[in-house]
PDB file of all heavy atoms in Angstrom:
ATOM      1  N   ILE A   1     -25.107   6.832  36.465  1.00  0.00           N
ATOM      2  CA  ILE A   1     -25.945   7.912  35.944  1.00  0.00           C
ATOM      3  C   ILE A   1     -26.900   7.380  34.888  1.00  0.00           C
ATOM      4  O   ILE A   1     -28.090   7.712  34.876  1.00  0.00           O
ATOM      5  CB  ILE A   1     -25.066   9.058  35.391  1.00  0.00           C
ATOM      6  CG1 ILE A   1     -24.324   9.729  36.553  1.00  0.00           C
ATOM      7  CG2 ILE A   1     -25.903  10.057  34.615  1.00  0.00           C
ATOM      8  CD1 ILE A   1     -23.261  10.713  36.103  1.00  0.00           C
ATOM      9  N   LEU A   2     -26.404   6.540  33.978  1.00  0.00           N
ATOM     10  CA  LEU A   2     -27.253   5.953  32.942  1.00  0.00           C
ATOM     11  C   LEU A   2     -28.358   5.101  33.556  1.00  0.00           C
ATOM     12  O   LEU A   2     -29.512   5.161  33.120  1.00  0.00           O
ATOM     13  CB  LEU A   2     -26.406   5.120  31.984  1.00  0.00           C
ATOM     14  CG  LEU A   2     -27.143   4.443  30.845  1.00  0.00           C
ATOM     15  CD1 LEU A   2     -27.779   5.489  29.925  1.00  0.00           C
ATOM     16  CD2 LEU A   2     -26.210   3.553  30.067  1.00  0.00           C
ATOM     17  N   LEU A   3     -28.029   4.338  34.566  1.00  0.00           N
ATOM     18  CA  LEU A   3     -29.028   3.513  35.242  1.00  0.00           C
ATOM     19  C   LEU A   3     -30.122   4.366  35.894  1.00  0.00           C
ATOM     20  O   LEU A   3     -31.309   4.063  35.788  1.00  0.00           O
ATOM     21  CB  LEU A   3     -28.353   2.639  36.301  1.00  0.00           C
ATOM     22  CG  LEU A   3     -29.254   1.697  37.082  1.00  0.00           C
ATOM     23  CD1 LEU A   3     -29.879   0.669  36.146  1.00  0.00           C
ATOM     24  CD2 LEU A   3     -28.480   1.019  38.181  1.00  0.00           C
ATOM     25  N   ILE A   4     -29.722   5.468  36.517  1.00  0.00           N
ATOM     26  CA  ILE A   4     -30.690   6.375  37.142  1.00  0.00           C
ATOM     27  C   ILE A   4     -31.607   6.996  36.087  1.00  0.00           C
ATOM     28  O   ILE A   4     -32.821   7.088  36.275  1.00  0.00           O
ATOM     29  CB  ILE A   4     -29.972   7.451  37.966  1.00  0.00           C
ATOM     30  CG1 ILE A   4     -29.319   6.806  39.197  1.00  0.00           C
ATOM     31  CG2 ILE A   4     -30.924   8.551  38.385  1.00  0.00           C
ATOM     32  CD1 ILE A   4     -28.400   7.727  39.957  1.00  0.00           C
ATOM     33  N   VAL A   5     -31.034   7.383  34.953  1.00  0.00           N
ATOM     34  CA  VAL A   5     -31.834   7.980  33.875  1.00  0.00           C
ATOM     35  C   VAL A   5     -32.841   6.969  33.346  1.00  0.00           C
ATOM     36  O   VAL A   5     -34.007   7.298  33.124  1.00  0.00           O
ATOM     37  CB  VAL A   5     -30.915   8.508  32.753  1.00  0.00           C
ATOM     38  CG1 VAL A   5     -31.708   8.863  31.512  1.00  0.00           C
ATOM     39  CG2 VAL A   5     -30.125   9.711  33.239  1.00  0.00           C
ATOM     40  N   VAL A   6     -32.411   5.740  33.159  1.00  0.00           N
ATOM     41  CA  VAL A   6     -33.321   4.697  32.665  1.00  0.00           C
ATOM     42  C   VAL A   6     -34.435   4.449  33.675  1.00  0.00           C
ATOM     43  O   VAL A   6     -35.603   4.280  33.308  1.00  0.00           O
ATOM     44  CB  VAL A   6     -32.548   3.392  32.359  1.00  0.00           C
ATOM     45  CG1 VAL A   6     -33.502   2.232  32.107  1.00  0.00           C
ATOM     46  CG2 VAL A   6     -31.652   3.585  31.149  1.00  0.00           C
ATOM     47  N   LEU A   7     -34.100   4.442  34.951  1.00  0.00           N
ATOM     48  CA  LEU A   7     -35.128   4.232  35.971  1.00  0.00           C
ATOM     49  C   LEU A   7     -36.116   5.387  36.036  1.00  0.00           C
ATOM     50  O   LEU A   7     -37.311   5.181  36.243  1.00  0.00           O
ATOM     51  CB  LEU A   7     -34.478   4.026  37.340  1.00  0.00           C
ATOM     52  CG  LEU A   7     -33.760   2.695  37.542  1.00  0.00           C
ATOM     53  CD1 LEU A   7     -33.042   2.684  38.886  1.00  0.00           C
ATOM     54  CD2 LEU A   7     -34.725   1.536  37.440  1.00  0.00           C
ATOM     55  N   LEU A   8     -35.619   6.611  35.854  1.00  0.00           N
ATOM     56  CA  LEU A   8     -36.505   7.773  35.932  1.00  0.00           C
ATOM     57  C   LEU A   8     -37.445   7.866  34.728  1.00  0.00           C
ATOM     58  O   LEU A   8     -38.628   8.142  34.874  1.00  0.00           O
ATOM     59  CB  LEU A   8     -35.680   9.059  36.035  1.00  0.00           C
ATOM     60  CG  LEU A   8     -35.013   9.314  37.379  1.00  0.00           C
ATOM     61  CD1 LEU A   8     -34.145  10.571  37.284  1.00  0.00           C
ATOM     62  CD2 LEU A   8     -36.045   9.484  38.468  1.00  0.00           C
ATOM     63  N   PHE A   9     -36.905   7.680  33.543  1.00  0.00           N
ATOM     64  CA  PHE A   9     -37.689   7.915  32.332  1.00  0.00           C
ATOM     65  C   PHE A   9     -38.239   6.641  31.706  1.00  0.00           C
ATOM     66  O   PHE A   9     -39.176   6.691  30.925  1.00  0.00           O
ATOM     67  CB  PHE A   9     -36.854   8.666  31.291  1.00  0.00           C
ATOM     68  CG  PHE A   9     -36.476  10.046  31.734  1.00  0.00           C
ATOM     69  CD1 PHE A   9     -35.172  10.334  32.085  1.00  0.00           C
ATOM     70  CD2 PHE A   9     -37.414  11.053  31.809  1.00  0.00           C
ATOM     71  CE1 PHE A   9     -34.812  11.602  32.498  1.00  0.00           C
ATOM     72  CE2 PHE A   9     -37.072  12.315  32.222  1.00  0.00           C
ATOM     73  CZ  PHE A   9     -35.762  12.584  32.569  1.00  0.00           C
ATOM     74  N   GLY A  10     -37.656   5.515  31.985  1.00  0.00           N
ATOM     75  CA  GLY A  10     -38.096   4.266  31.372  1.00  0.00           C
ATOM     76  C   GLY A  10     -37.404   4.057  30.037  1.00  0.00           C
ATOM     77  O   GLY A  10     -37.032   5.000  29.346  1.00  0.00           O
ATOM     78  N   ALA A  11     -37.219   2.825  29.674  1.00  0.00           N
ATOM     79  CA  ALA A  11     -36.486   2.481  28.451  1.00  0.00           C
ATOM     80  C   ALA A  11     -37.245   2.917  27.195  1.00  0.00           C
ATOM     81  O   ALA A  11     -36.638   3.218  26.175  1.00  0.00           O
ATOM     82  CB  ALA A  11     -36.216   0.979  28.407  1.00  0.00           C
ATOM     83  N   ARG A  12     -38.560   2.969  27.249  1.00  0.00           N
ATOM     84  CA  ARG A  12     -39.337   3.352  26.065  1.00  0.00           C
ATOM     85  C   ARG A  12     -39.248   4.841  25.776  1.00  0.00           C
ATOM     86  O   ARG A  12     -39.316   5.264  24.628  1.00  0.00           O
ATOM     87  CB  ARG A  12     -40.796   2.972  26.254  1.00  0.00           C
ATOM     88  CG  ARG A  12     -41.037   1.499  26.236  1.00  0.00           C
ATOM     89  CD  ARG A  12     -42.503   1.202  26.348  1.00  0.00           C
ATOM     90  NE  ARG A  12     -42.753  -0.235  26.377  1.00  0.00           N
ATOM     91  CZ  ARG A  12     -43.924  -0.767  26.574  1.00  0.00           C
ATOM     92  NH1 ARG A  12     -44.972   0.008  26.782  1.00  0.00           N
ATOM     93  NH2 ARG A  12     -44.067  -2.077  26.579  1.00  0.00           N
ATOM     94  N   LYS A  13     -39.121   5.649  26.808  1.00  0.00           N
ATOM     95  CA  LYS A  13     -39.114   7.101  26.629  1.00  0.00           C
ATOM     96  C   LYS A  13     -37.760   7.635  26.171  1.00  0.00           C
ATOM     97  O   LYS A  13     -37.691   8.722  25.610  1.00  0.00           O
ATOM     98  CB  LYS A  13     -39.498   7.800  27.933  1.00  0.00           C
ATOM     99  CG  LYS A  13     -40.953   7.680  28.268  1.00  0.00           C
ATOM    100  CD  LYS A  13     -41.763   8.540  27.342  1.00  0.00           C
ATOM    101  CE  LYS A  13     -43.222   8.526  27.727  1.00  0.00           C
ATOM    102  NZ  LYS A  13     -44.030   9.310  26.835  1.00  0.00           N
ATOM    103  N   LEU A  14     -36.676   6.905  26.413  1.00  0.00           N
ATOM    104  CA  LEU A  14     -35.348   7.414  26.079  1.00  0.00           C
ATOM    105  C   LEU A  14     -35.173   7.727  24.592  1.00  0.00           C
ATOM    106  O   LEU A  14     -34.656   8.796  24.255  1.00  0.00           O
ATOM    107  CB  LEU A  14     -34.269   6.452  26.566  1.00  0.00           C
ATOM    108  CG  LEU A  14     -34.066   6.442  28.073  1.00  0.00           C
ATOM    109  CD1 LEU A  14     -33.006   5.415  28.457  1.00  0.00           C
ATOM    110  CD2 LEU A  14     -33.689   7.806  28.589  1.00  0.00           C
ATOM    111  N   PRO A  15     -35.587   6.867  23.668  1.00  0.00           N
ATOM    112  CA  PRO A  15     -35.455   7.228  22.250  1.00  0.00           C
ATOM    113  C   PRO A  15     -36.275   8.476  21.882  1.00  0.00           C
ATOM    114  O   PRO A  15     -35.829   9.311  21.095  1.00  0.00           O
ATOM    115  CB  PRO A  15     -35.978   6.011  21.497  1.00  0.00           C
ATOM    116  CG  PRO A  15     -35.828   4.888  22.446  1.00  0.00           C
ATOM    117  CD  PRO A  15     -36.025   5.482  23.808  1.00  0.00           C
ATOM    118  N   GLU A  16     -37.457   8.612  22.479  1.00  0.00           N
ATOM    119  CA  GLU A  16     -38.282   9.784  22.215  1.00  0.00           C
ATOM    120  C   GLU A  16     -37.615  11.050  22.749  1.00  0.00           C
ATOM    121  O   GLU A  16     -37.625  12.092  22.088  1.00  0.00           O
ATOM    122  CB  GLU A  16     -39.657   9.621  22.846  1.00  0.00           C
ATOM    123  CG  GLU A  16     -40.494   8.526  22.228  1.00  0.00           C
ATOM    124  CD  GLU A  16     -41.793   8.311  22.970  1.00  0.00           C
ATOM    125  OE1 GLU A  16     -42.207   9.209  23.730  1.00  0.00           O
ATOM    126  OE2 GLU A  16     -42.396   7.230  22.787  1.00  0.00           O
ATOM    127  N   LEU A  17     -37.038  10.957  23.941  1.00  0.00           N
ATOM    128  CA  LEU A  17     -36.345  12.106  24.518  1.00  0.00           C
ATOM    129  C   LEU A  17     -35.133  12.490  23.678  1.00  0.00           C
ATOM    130  O   LEU A  17     -34.881  13.677  23.437  1.00  0.00           O
ATOM    131  CB  LEU A  17     -35.906  11.795  25.955  1.00  0.00           C
ATOM    132  CG  LEU A  17     -37.020  11.709  26.986  1.00  0.00           C
ATOM    133  CD1 LEU A  17     -36.467  11.212  28.312  1.00  0.00           C
ATOM    134  CD2 LEU A  17     -37.673  13.053  27.175  1.00  0.00           C
ATOM    135  N   ALA A  18     -34.381  11.488  23.224  1.00  0.00           N
ATOM    136  CA  ALA A  18     -33.206  11.761  22.401  1.00  0.00           C
ATOM    137  C   ALA A  18     -33.611  12.395  21.068  1.00  0.00           C
ATOM    138  O   ALA A  18     -32.962  13.328  20.587  1.00  0.00           O
ATOM    139  CB  ALA A  18     -32.424  10.470  22.160  1.00  0.00           C
ATOM    140  N   ARG A  19     -34.687  11.910  20.484  1.00  0.00           N
ATOM    141  CA  ARG A  19     -35.172  12.464  19.211  1.00  0.00           C
ATOM    142  C   ARG A  19     -35.621  13.908  19.399  1.00  0.00           C
ATOM    143  O   ARG A  19     -35.302  14.784  18.598  1.00  0.00           O
ATOM    144  CB  ARG A  19     -36.329  11.608  18.698  1.00  0.00           C
ATOM    145  CG  ARG A  19     -36.755  11.918  17.289  1.00  0.00           C
ATOM    146  CD  ARG A  19     -37.844  10.959  16.789  1.00  0.00           C
ATOM    147  NE  ARG A  19     -37.463   9.563  16.952  1.00  0.00           N
ATOM    148  CZ  ARG A  19     -38.105   8.702  17.748  1.00  0.00           C
ATOM    149  NH1 ARG A  19     -39.149   9.088  18.441  1.00  0.00           N
ATOM    150  NH2 ARG A  19     -37.706   7.447  17.834  1.00  0.00           N
ATOM    151  N   GLY A  20     -36.336  14.169  20.475  1.00  0.00           N
ATOM    152  CA  GLY A  20     -36.784  15.536  20.761  1.00  0.00           C
ATOM    153  C   GLY A  20     -35.617  16.474  21.012  1.00  0.00           C
ATOM    154  O   GLY A  20     -35.622  17.616  20.564  1.00  0.00           O
ATOM    155  N   LEU A  21     -34.611  15.984  21.723  1.00  0.00           N
ATOM    156  CA  LEU A  21     -33.424  16.789  21.981  1.00  0.00           C
ATOM    157  C   LEU A  21     -32.687  17.099  20.686  1.00  0.00           C
ATOM    158  O   LEU A  21     -32.232  18.229  20.467  1.00  0.00           O
ATOM    159  CB  LEU A  21     -32.498  16.056  22.961  1.00  0.00           C
ATOM    160  CG  LEU A  21     -31.273  16.800  23.427  1.00  0.00           C
ATOM    161  CD1 LEU A  21     -31.662  18.075  24.171  1.00  0.00           C
ATOM    162  CD2 LEU A  21     -30.429  15.910  24.315  1.00  0.00           C
ATOM    163  N   GLY A  22     -32.588  16.124  19.805  1.00  0.00           N
ATOM    164  CA  GLY A  22     -31.940  16.334  18.510  1.00  0.00           C
ATOM    165  C   GLY A  22     -32.689  17.351  17.657  1.00  0.00           C
ATOM    166  O   GLY A  22     -32.091  18.210  17.021  1.00  0.00           O
ATOM    167  N   GLN A  23     -34.007  17.269  17.647  1.00  0.00           N
ATOM    168  CA  GLN A  23     -34.806  18.225  16.878  1.00  0.00           C
ATOM    169  C   GLN A  23     -34.691  19.623  17.462  1.00  0.00           C
ATOM    170  O   GLN A  23     -34.620  20.604  16.718  1.00  0.00           O
ATOM    171  CB  GLN A  23     -36.268  17.788  16.846  1.00  0.00           C
ATOM    172  CG  GLN A  23     -36.512  16.575  15.979  1.00  0.00           C
ATOM    173  CD  GLN A  23     -37.948  16.086  16.049  1.00  0.00           C
ATOM    174  OE1 GLN A  23     -38.723  16.512  16.905  1.00  0.00           O
ATOM    175  NE2 GLN A  23     -38.301  15.163  15.167  1.00  0.00           N
ATOM    176  N   SER A  24     -34.637  19.718  18.768  1.00  0.00           N
ATOM    177  CA  SER A  24     -34.477  21.025  19.408  1.00  0.00           C
ATOM    178  C   SER A  24     -33.136  21.642  19.055  1.00  0.00           C
ATOM    179  O   SER A  24     -33.048  22.838  18.761  1.00  0.00           O
ATOM    180  CB  SER A  24     -34.592  20.894  20.929  1.00  0.00           C
ATOM    181  OG  SER A  24     -35.853  20.414  21.284  1.00  0.00           O
ATOM    182  N   ALA A  25     -32.089  20.845  19.082  1.00  0.00           N
ATOM    183  CA  ALA A  25     -30.757  21.342  18.731  1.00  0.00           C
ATOM    184  C   ALA A  25     -30.719  21.786  17.265  1.00  0.00           C
ATOM    185  O   ALA A  25     -30.118  22.813  16.939  1.00  0.00           O
ATOM    186  CB  ALA A  25     -29.710  20.260  18.988  1.00  0.00           C
ATOM    187  N   LYS A  26     -31.391  21.034  16.397  1.00  0.00           N
ATOM    188  CA  LYS A  26     -31.438  21.381  14.975  1.00  0.00           C
ATOM    189  C   LYS A  26     -32.151  22.720  14.765  1.00  0.00           C
ATOM    190  O   LYS A  26     -31.676  23.580  14.025  1.00  0.00           O
ATOM    191  CB  LYS A  26     -32.153  20.273  14.204  1.00  0.00           C
ATOM    192  CG  LYS A  26     -32.237  20.503  12.732  1.00  0.00           C
ATOM    193  CD  LYS A  26     -32.961  19.356  12.050  1.00  0.00           C
ATOM    194  CE  LYS A  26     -33.162  19.605  10.583  1.00  0.00           C
ATOM    195  NZ  LYS A  26     -33.901  18.526   9.930  1.00  0.00           N
ATOM    196  N   GLU A  27     -33.284  22.910  15.433  1.00  0.00           N
ATOM    197  CA  GLU A  27     -34.032  24.157  15.323  1.00  0.00           C
ATOM    198  C   GLU A  27     -33.226  25.332  15.896  1.00  0.00           C
ATOM    199  O   GLU A  27     -33.258  26.432  15.361  1.00  0.00           O
ATOM    200  CB  GLU A  27     -35.375  24.048  16.040  1.00  0.00           C
ATOM    201  CG  GLU A  27     -36.375  23.184  15.326  1.00  0.00           C
ATOM    202  CD  GLU A  27     -36.812  23.779  13.999  1.00  0.00           C
ATOM    203  OE1 GLU A  27     -36.988  25.019  13.911  1.00  0.00           O
ATOM    204  OE2 GLU A  27     -36.972  23.004  13.049  1.00  0.00           O
ATOM    205  N   PHE A  28     -32.504  25.081  16.980  1.00  0.00           N
ATOM    206  CA  PHE A  28     -31.685  26.123  17.593  1.00  0.00           C
ATOM    207  C   PHE A  28     -30.595  26.579  16.628  1.00  0.00           C
ATOM    208  O   PHE A  28     -30.388  27.776  16.424  1.00  0.00           O
ATOM    209  CB  PHE A  28     -31.070  25.595  18.894  1.00  0.00           C
ATOM    210  CG  PHE A  28     -30.223  26.606  19.606  1.00  0.00           C
ATOM    211  CD1 PHE A  28     -30.808  27.676  20.257  1.00  0.00           C
ATOM    212  CD2 PHE A  28     -28.841  26.482  19.626  1.00  0.00           C
ATOM    213  CE1 PHE A  28     -30.031  28.607  20.921  1.00  0.00           C
ATOM    214  CE2 PHE A  28     -28.062  27.401  20.285  1.00  0.00           C
ATOM    215  CZ  PHE A  28     -28.656  28.464  20.933  1.00  0.00           C
ATOM    216  N   ARG A  29     -29.904  25.618  16.010  1.00  0.00           N
ATOM    217  CA  ARG A  29     -28.852  25.966  15.040  1.00  0.00           C
ATOM    218  C   ARG A  29     -29.450  26.686  13.830  1.00  0.00           C
ATOM    219  O   ARG A  29     -28.861  27.613  13.299  1.00  0.00           O
ATOM    220  CB  ARG A  29     -28.116  24.712  14.592  1.00  0.00           C
ATOM    221  CG  ARG A  29     -27.079  24.275  15.589  1.00  0.00           C
ATOM    222  CD  ARG A  29     -26.219  23.157  15.047  1.00  0.00           C
ATOM    223  NE  ARG A  29     -26.452  22.006  15.905  1.00  0.00           N
ATOM    224  CZ  ARG A  29     -26.914  20.822  15.493  1.00  0.00           C
ATOM    225  NH1 ARG A  29     -27.160  20.606  14.229  1.00  0.00           N
ATOM    226  NH2 ARG A  29     -27.105  19.856  16.340  1.00  0.00           N
ATOM    227  N   LYS A  30     -30.628  26.263  13.398  1.00  0.00           N
ATOM    228  CA  LYS A  30     -31.298  26.904  12.264  1.00  0.00           C
ATOM    229  C   LYS A  30     -31.646  28.349  12.609  1.00  0.00           C
ATOM    230  O   LYS A  30     -31.443  29.254  11.806  1.00  0.00           O
ATOM    231  CB  LYS A  30     -32.567  26.128  11.917  1.00  0.00           C
ATOM    232  CG  LYS A  30     -33.323  26.675  10.741  1.00  0.00           C
ATOM    233  CD  LYS A  30     -34.566  25.847  10.478  1.00  0.00           C
ATOM    234  CE  LYS A  30     -35.417  26.444   9.391  1.00  0.00           C
ATOM    235  NZ  LYS A  30     -36.669  25.700   9.189  1.00  0.00           N
ATOM    236  N   GLY A  31     -32.139  28.564  13.825  1.00  0.00           N
ATOM    237  CA  GLY A  31     -32.465  29.918  14.269  1.00  0.00           C
ATOM    238  C   GLY A  31     -31.232  30.798  14.356  1.00  0.00           C
ATOM    239  O   GLY A  31     -31.269  31.979  14.007  1.00  0.00           O
ATOM    240  N   LEU A  32     -30.125  30.235  14.808  1.00  0.00           N
ATOM    241  CA  LEU A  32     -28.881  31.015  14.889  1.00  0.00           C
ATOM    242  C   LEU A  32     -28.398  31.412  13.502  1.00  0.00           C
ATOM    243  O   LEU A  32     -27.955  32.536  13.297  1.00  0.00           O
ATOM    244  CB  LEU A  32     -27.795  30.212  15.608  1.00  0.00           C
ATOM    245  CG  LEU A  32     -27.921  30.096  17.117  1.00  0.00           C
ATOM    246  CD1 LEU A  32     -26.788  29.246  17.661  1.00  0.00           C
ATOM    247  CD2 LEU A  32     -27.921  31.456  17.769  1.00  0.00           C
ATOM    248  N   SER A  33     -28.488  30.498  12.542  1.00  0.00           N
ATOM    249  CA  SER A  33     -28.026  30.817  11.197  1.00  0.00           C
ATOM    250  C   SER A  33     -28.937  31.849  10.533  1.00  0.00           C
ATOM    251  O   SER A  33     -28.475  32.709   9.790  1.00  0.00           O
ATOM    252  CB  SER A  33     -27.929  29.562  10.336  1.00  0.00           C
ATOM    253  OG  SER A  33     -29.206  29.016  10.093  1.00  0.00           O
ATOM    254  N   GLU A  34     -30.232  31.795  10.816  1.00  0.00           N
ATOM    255  CA  GLU A  34     -31.147  32.794  10.260  1.00  0.00           C
ATOM    256  C   GLU A  34     -30.907  34.157  10.884  1.00  0.00           C
ATOM    257  O   GLU A  34     -30.994  35.178  10.213  1.00  0.00           O
ATOM    258  CB  GLU A  34     -32.598  32.363  10.484  1.00  0.00           C
ATOM    259  CG  GLU A  34     -33.027  31.215   9.609  1.00  0.00           C
ATOM    260  CD  GLU A  34     -34.446  30.766   9.897  1.00  0.00           C
ATOM    261  OE1 GLU A  34     -35.099  31.367  10.771  1.00  0.00           O
ATOM    262  OE2 GLU A  34     -34.897  29.816   9.248  1.00  0.00           O
ATOM    263  N   GLU A  35     -30.584  34.182  12.169  1.00  0.00           N
ATOM    264  CA  GLU A  35     -30.322  35.444  12.848  1.00  0.00           C
ATOM    265  C   GLU A  35     -29.059  36.099  12.307  1.00  0.00           C
ATOM    266  O   GLU A  35     -28.982  37.320  12.194  1.00  0.00           O
ATOM    267  CB  GLU A  35     -30.181  35.206  14.350  1.00  0.00           C
ATOM    268  CG  GLU A  35     -30.051  36.477  15.147  1.00  0.00           C
ATOM    269  CD  GLU A  35     -30.027  36.211  16.631  1.00  0.00           C
ATOM    270  OE1 GLU A  35     -30.943  35.558  17.130  1.00  0.00           O
ATOM    271  OE2 GLU A  35     -29.059  36.661  17.265  1.00  0.00           O
ATOM    272  N   ASP A  36     -28.077  35.289  11.944  1.00  0.00           N
ATOM    273  CA  ASP A  36     -26.846  35.827  11.374  1.00  0.00           C
ATOM    274  C   ASP A  36     -27.102  36.462  10.005  1.00  0.00           C
ATOM    275  O   ASP A  36     -26.449  37.422   9.630  1.00  0.00           O
ATOM    276  CB  ASP A  36     -25.795  34.725  11.228  1.00  0.00           C
ATOM    277  CG  ASP A  36     -25.236  34.280  12.568  1.00  0.00           C
ATOM    278  OD1 ASP A  36     -25.395  35.025  13.553  1.00  0.00           O
ATOM    279  OD2 ASP A  36     -24.634  33.188  12.619  1.00  0.00           O
ATOM    280  N   LYS A  37     -28.054  35.940   9.269  1.00  0.00           N
ATOM    281  CA  LYS A  37     -28.348  36.460   7.940  1.00  0.00           C
ATOM    282  C   LYS A  37     -29.148  37.760   7.997  1.00  0.00           C
ATOM    283  O   LYS A  37     -29.007  38.609   7.142  1.00  0.00           O
ATOM    284  CB  LYS A  37     -29.121  35.433   7.121  1.00  0.00           C
ATOM    285  CG  LYS A  37     -28.304  34.215   6.765  1.00  0.00           C
ATOM    286  CD  LYS A  37     -29.142  33.218   6.008  1.00  0.00           C
ATOM    287  CE  LYS A  37     -28.360  31.967   5.708  1.00  0.00           C
ATOM    288  NZ  LYS A  37     -29.178  30.964   5.011  1.00  0.00           N
ATOM    289  N   LYS A  38     -30.016  37.923   8.995  1.00  0.00           N
ATOM    290  CA  LYS A  38     -30.900  39.080   9.069  1.00  0.00           C
ATOM    291  C   LYS A  38     -30.168  40.420   9.131  1.00  0.00           C
ATOM    292  O   LYS A  38     -30.531  41.324   8.393  1.00  0.00           O
ATOM    293  CB  LYS A  38     -31.863  38.950  10.244  1.00  0.00           C
ATOM    294  CG  LYS A  38     -32.969  37.972   9.990  1.00  0.00           C
ATOM    295  CD  LYS A  38     -33.927  37.924  11.147  1.00  0.00           C
ATOM    296  CE  LYS A  38     -35.020  36.900  10.875  1.00  0.00           C
ATOM    297  NZ  LYS A  38     -35.961  36.824  11.979  1.00  0.00           N
ATOM    298  N   PRO A  39     -29.148  40.604   9.964  1.00  0.00           N
ATOM    299  CA  PRO A  39     -28.492  41.920  10.005  1.00  0.00           C
ATOM    300  C   PRO A  39     -27.862  42.320   8.675  1.00  0.00           C
ATOM    301  O   PRO A  39     -27.825  43.483   8.324  1.00  0.00           O
ATOM    302  CB  PRO A  39     -27.415  41.752  11.080  1.00  0.00           C
ATOM    303  CG  PRO A  39     -27.887  40.654  11.937  1.00  0.00           C
ATOM    304  CD  PRO A  39     -28.660  39.744  11.023  1.00  0.00           C
ATOM    305  N   GLU A  40     -27.407  41.347   7.897  1.00  0.00           N
ATOM    306  CA  GLU A  40     -26.817  41.660   6.606  1.00  0.00           C
ATOM    307  C   GLU A  40     -27.876  42.135   5.615  1.00  0.00           C
ATOM    308  O   GLU A  40     -27.645  43.034   4.822  1.00  0.00           O
ATOM    309  CB  GLU A  40     -26.111  40.427   6.043  1.00  0.00           C
ATOM    310  CG  GLU A  40     -24.920  39.994   6.870  1.00  0.00           C
ATOM    311  CD  GLU A  40     -24.354  38.674   6.395  1.00  0.00           C
ATOM    312  OE1 GLU A  40     -24.884  38.124   5.398  1.00  0.00           O
ATOM    313  OE2 GLU A  40     -23.397  38.190   7.012  1.00  0.00           O
TER     314      GLU A  40
END
């Protein structure tokens, strides 16, 4: 699976994809915590 991913995206794009995924997860968690505060 890792070999297929490297072939599809290329070795240079993998760090960028991982960074983007991490930022997306961070924003998602931030949005969830803000939503929890709003009803209160």
